[in-house]
């Protein structure tokens, strides 16, 4: 369990984002777009919670989930990758045309997990380089891709051998980040 106020712990973080949502919102109208996003949120929530994720946020066209050793279990890193694979399938990848294009980024490492804010308004979240790096990885994922940091990939390499390697220059990072790319067809 986490201390009441928060602490630095090792976590896996997943960001899933709808690709082309600005164009979708413009072409669909606000009510239809909100309905589509609610379907995405419901699908993502169901899929991620099945792997004991903690849904941190649903913001705009994005979902952020945390996998923490205590609440998620000892295989929290693997749970993050497996839930990403299942989310791609739930979105229709591997079954023909997906009903919504998404890209996913996953990374693991130390992060502050706990309450932030003021005495009037507080939020429970994760903060730090691990979270920021995950968000940047997600931004690089094309529709139907899961970008997995090399650190996290080591935990699942036997289940997903020989995934494509990439080296990414990420905004705000001093050095390139080594990643693996899991596509819907490989899932």
Protein backbone atom coordinates (compact mmCIF):
# COMPACT_ATOMS: atom_id res chain seq x y z
CA UNK A 1 0.00 0.00 0.00
CA UNK A 2 1.03 3.61 -0.45
CA UNK A 3 1.66 6.00 2.43
CA UNK A 4 -1.28 8.41 3.01
CA UNK A 5 0.46 11.50 1.60
CA UNK A 6 2.52 9.89 -1.13
CA UNK A 7 5.94 8.41 -1.77
CA UNK A 8 8.43 7.57 -4.47
CA UNK A 9 7.73 4.07 -5.75
CA UNK A 10 8.56 2.00 -8.81
CA UNK A 11 5.60 2.02 -11.21
CA UNK A 12 4.67 1.32 -14.80
CA UNK A 13 2.76 4.09 -16.53
CA UNK A 14 0.54 3.79 -19.61
CA UNK A 15 -0.79 6.62 -21.76
CA UNK A 16 -3.32 5.82 -24.51
CA UNK A 17 -4.31 8.62 -26.86
CA UNK A 18 -6.79 8.94 -29.72
CA UNK A 19 -5.01 9.88 -32.93
CA UNK A 20 -6.52 12.58 -35.14
CA UNK A 21 -9.05 13.65 -32.51
CA UNK A 22 -9.01 17.30 -33.60
CA UNK A 23 -10.14 16.31 -37.09
CA UNK A 24 -12.67 13.84 -35.66
CA UNK A 25 -14.12 16.49 -33.36
CA UNK A 26 -14.42 18.95 -36.21
CA UNK A 27 -16.12 16.49 -38.55
CA UNK A 28 -18.45 14.83 -35.99
CA UNK A 29 -19.82 17.70 -33.98
CA UNK A 30 -19.53 18.08 -30.22
CA UNK A 31 -22.24 15.65 -29.05
CA UNK A 32 -21.17 12.79 -31.33
CA UNK A 33 -17.52 13.43 -30.44
CA UNK A 34 -18.32 13.29 -26.70
CA UNK A 35 -20.23 10.05 -27.26
CA UNK A 36 -17.25 8.55 -29.10
CA UNK A 37 -14.86 9.62 -26.34
CA UNK A 38 -17.16 8.14 -23.69
CA UNK A 39 -17.06 4.84 -25.59
CA UNK A 40 -13.23 5.08 -25.68
CA UNK A 41 -13.11 5.86 -21.94
CA UNK A 42 -15.42 2.94 -21.14
CA UNK A 43 -13.43 0.52 -23.30
CA UNK A 44 -10.10 1.68 -21.89
CA UNK A 45 -11.30 1.68 -18.29
CA UNK A 46 -12.74 -1.82 -18.52
CA UNK A 47 -9.63 -3.20 -20.23
CA UNK A 48 -7.09 -1.51 -17.94
CA UNK A 49 -8.99 -2.24 -14.73
CA UNK A 50 -9.06 -5.93 -15.69
CA UNK A 51 -5.28 -5.77 -15.19
CA UNK A 52 -5.60 -3.98 -11.85
CA UNK A 53 -4.53 -0.60 -13.19
CA UNK A 54 -5.26 2.57 -11.31
CA UNK A 55 -6.89 4.96 -13.77
CA UNK A 56 -5.18 8.25 -13.00
CA UNK A 57 -6.85 10.50 -15.54
CA UNK A 58 -9.14 10.75 -18.50
CA UNK A 59 -8.29 14.07 -20.09
CA UNK A 60 -9.39 15.21 -23.51
CA UNK A 61 -8.74 12.21 -25.75
CA UNK A 62 -6.26 10.46 -23.45
CA UNK A 63 -6.24 7.92 -20.63
CA UNK A 64 -3.41 7.65 -18.08
CA UNK A 65 -3.08 4.48 -16.00
CA UNK A 66 -0.69 3.45 -13.23
CA UNK A 67 0.50 -0.04 -12.38
CA UNK A 68 1.99 -0.25 -8.90
CA UNK A 69 3.52 -3.32 -7.33
CA UNK A 70 1.29 -3.40 -4.23
CA UNK A 71 -2.17 -2.72 -5.68
CA UNK A 72 -1.48 -4.27 -9.11
CA UNK A 73 0.62 -7.18 -7.87
CA UNK A 74 4.18 -8.38 -8.37
CA UNK A 75 3.81 -8.58 -12.17
CA UNK A 76 2.77 -4.95 -12.51
CA UNK A 77 5.15 -4.27 -15.40
CA UNK A 78 3.82 -7.19 -17.40
CA UNK A 79 0.26 -6.14 -16.55
CA UNK A 80 0.88 -2.76 -18.19
CA UNK A 81 2.01 -4.34 -21.46
CA UNK A 82 -0.70 -6.98 -21.49
CA UNK A 83 -3.39 -4.37 -20.89
CA UNK A 84 -2.01 -2.29 -23.79
CA UNK A 85 -2.26 -5.34 -26.06
CA UNK A 86 -5.82 -6.01 -24.93
CA UNK A 87 -6.73 -2.35 -25.39
CA UNK A 88 -5.56 -2.49 -29.02
CA UNK A 89 -7.72 -5.59 -29.53
CA UNK A 90 -10.71 -3.94 -27.83
CA UNK A 91 -10.36 -1.00 -30.20
CA UNK A 92 -10.60 -3.40 -33.15
CA UNK A 93 -6.94 -3.75 -34.12
CA UNK A 94 -6.15 -7.18 -35.48
CA UNK A 95 -9.83 -7.71 -36.40
CA UNK A 96 -9.98 -5.54 -39.49
CA UNK A 97 -10.44 -1.80 -39.30
CA UNK A 98 -10.25 -0.35 -35.75
CA UNK A 99 -13.23 1.72 -34.67
CA UNK A 100 -10.91 4.40 -33.29
CA UNK A 101 -7.19 5.03 -33.94
CA UNK A 102 -5.07 5.03 -30.77
CA UNK A 103 -1.38 5.11 -29.91
CA UNK A 104 0.01 3.87 -26.60
CA UNK A 105 3.21 4.55 -24.65
CA UNK A 106 4.46 2.55 -21.64
CA UNK A 107 7.47 3.11 -19.40
CA UNK A 108 8.48 2.06 -15.89
CA UNK A 109 10.65 3.51 -13.15
CA UNK A 110 10.51 5.61 -10.01
CA UNK A 111 7.79 8.23 -9.60
CA UNK A 112 6.12 10.21 -6.84
CA UNK A 113 2.67 8.71 -6.32
CA UNK A 114 0.28 10.51 -4.02
CA UNK A 115 -1.67 13.67 -3.38
CA UNK A 116 -0.77 17.00 -4.93
CA UNK A 117 -2.52 20.35 -4.86
CA UNK A 118 -3.69 22.82 -2.28
CA UNK A 119 -5.72 22.52 0.90
CA UNK A 120 -8.85 23.30 -1.18
CA UNK A 121 -8.21 21.15 -4.24
CA UNK A 122 -6.23 17.93 -4.26
CA UNK A 123 -5.55 15.26 -6.83
CA UNK A 124 -4.06 11.79 -6.56
CA UNK A 125 -1.51 11.27 -9.34
CA UNK A 126 1.99 10.24 -10.33
CA UNK A 127 4.74 12.74 -11.10
CA UNK A 128 8.34 12.67 -12.24
CA UNK A 129 10.60 11.75 -15.12
CA UNK A 130 9.01 8.31 -15.56
CA UNK A 131 5.59 9.90 -16.16
CA UNK A 132 6.97 12.61 -18.44
CA UNK A 133 8.93 10.07 -20.49
CA UNK A 134 5.84 7.89 -20.87
CA UNK A 135 3.83 10.83 -22.19
CA UNK A 136 6.56 11.56 -24.74
CA UNK A 137 6.67 7.88 -25.82
CA UNK A 138 2.91 7.89 -26.36
CA UNK A 139 3.25 10.98 -28.54
CA UNK A 140 5.57 8.98 -30.84
CA UNK A 141 3.23 6.00 -31.22
CA UNK A 142 1.42 5.70 -34.52
CA UNK A 143 -2.13 4.33 -34.61
CA UNK A 144 -2.05 0.68 -33.56
CA UNK A 145 1.41 0.92 -31.95
CA UNK A 146 2.56 0.47 -28.38
CA UNK A 147 5.90 2.16 -27.72
CA UNK A 148 7.59 0.34 -24.83
CA UNK A 149 10.73 1.67 -23.14
CA UNK A 150 13.67 -0.73 -23.23
CA UNK A 151 13.66 -0.84 -19.41
CA UNK A 152 10.09 -2.10 -19.39
CA UNK A 153 10.59 -4.37 -22.40
CA UNK A 154 13.13 -6.41 -20.41
CA UNK A 155 10.20 -7.55 -18.23
CA UNK A 156 8.21 -8.94 -21.17
CA UNK A 157 10.84 -9.82 -23.78
CA UNK A 158 10.16 -13.55 -23.47
CA UNK A 159 6.44 -12.99 -24.23
CA UNK A 160 7.07 -10.59 -27.12
CA UNK A 161 10.49 -11.52 -28.57
CA UNK A 162 12.27 -9.59 -31.28
CA UNK A 163 10.14 -6.45 -31.33
CA UNK A 164 11.44 -3.65 -33.54
CA UNK A 165 14.02 -1.44 -31.85
CA UNK A 166 13.99 2.32 -32.19
CA UNK A 167 15.97 5.14 -30.67
CA UNK A 168 13.82 8.21 -30.12
CA UNK A 169 14.79 11.81 -29.59
CA UNK A 170 12.17 12.95 -27.11
CA UNK A 171 11.35 16.57 -26.29
CA UNK A 172 13.01 17.57 -23.02
CA UNK A 173 15.26 14.48 -22.82
CA UNK A 174 19.03 15.00 -22.98
CA UNK A 175 19.73 11.59 -24.55
CA UNK A 176 17.90 9.38 -27.02
CA UNK A 177 15.56 6.82 -25.46
CA UNK A 178 15.78 3.17 -26.57
CA UNK A 179 12.35 1.63 -27.17
CA UNK A 180 10.60 -1.39 -28.67
CA UNK A 181 7.54 -1.17 -30.88
CA UNK A 182 4.65 -3.58 -30.49
CA UNK A 183 2.12 -3.43 -33.30
CA UNK A 184 -1.40 -4.77 -33.26
CA UNK A 185 -0.44 -7.57 -35.67
CA UNK A 186 2.25 -8.80 -33.22
CA UNK A 187 -0.16 -8.71 -30.32
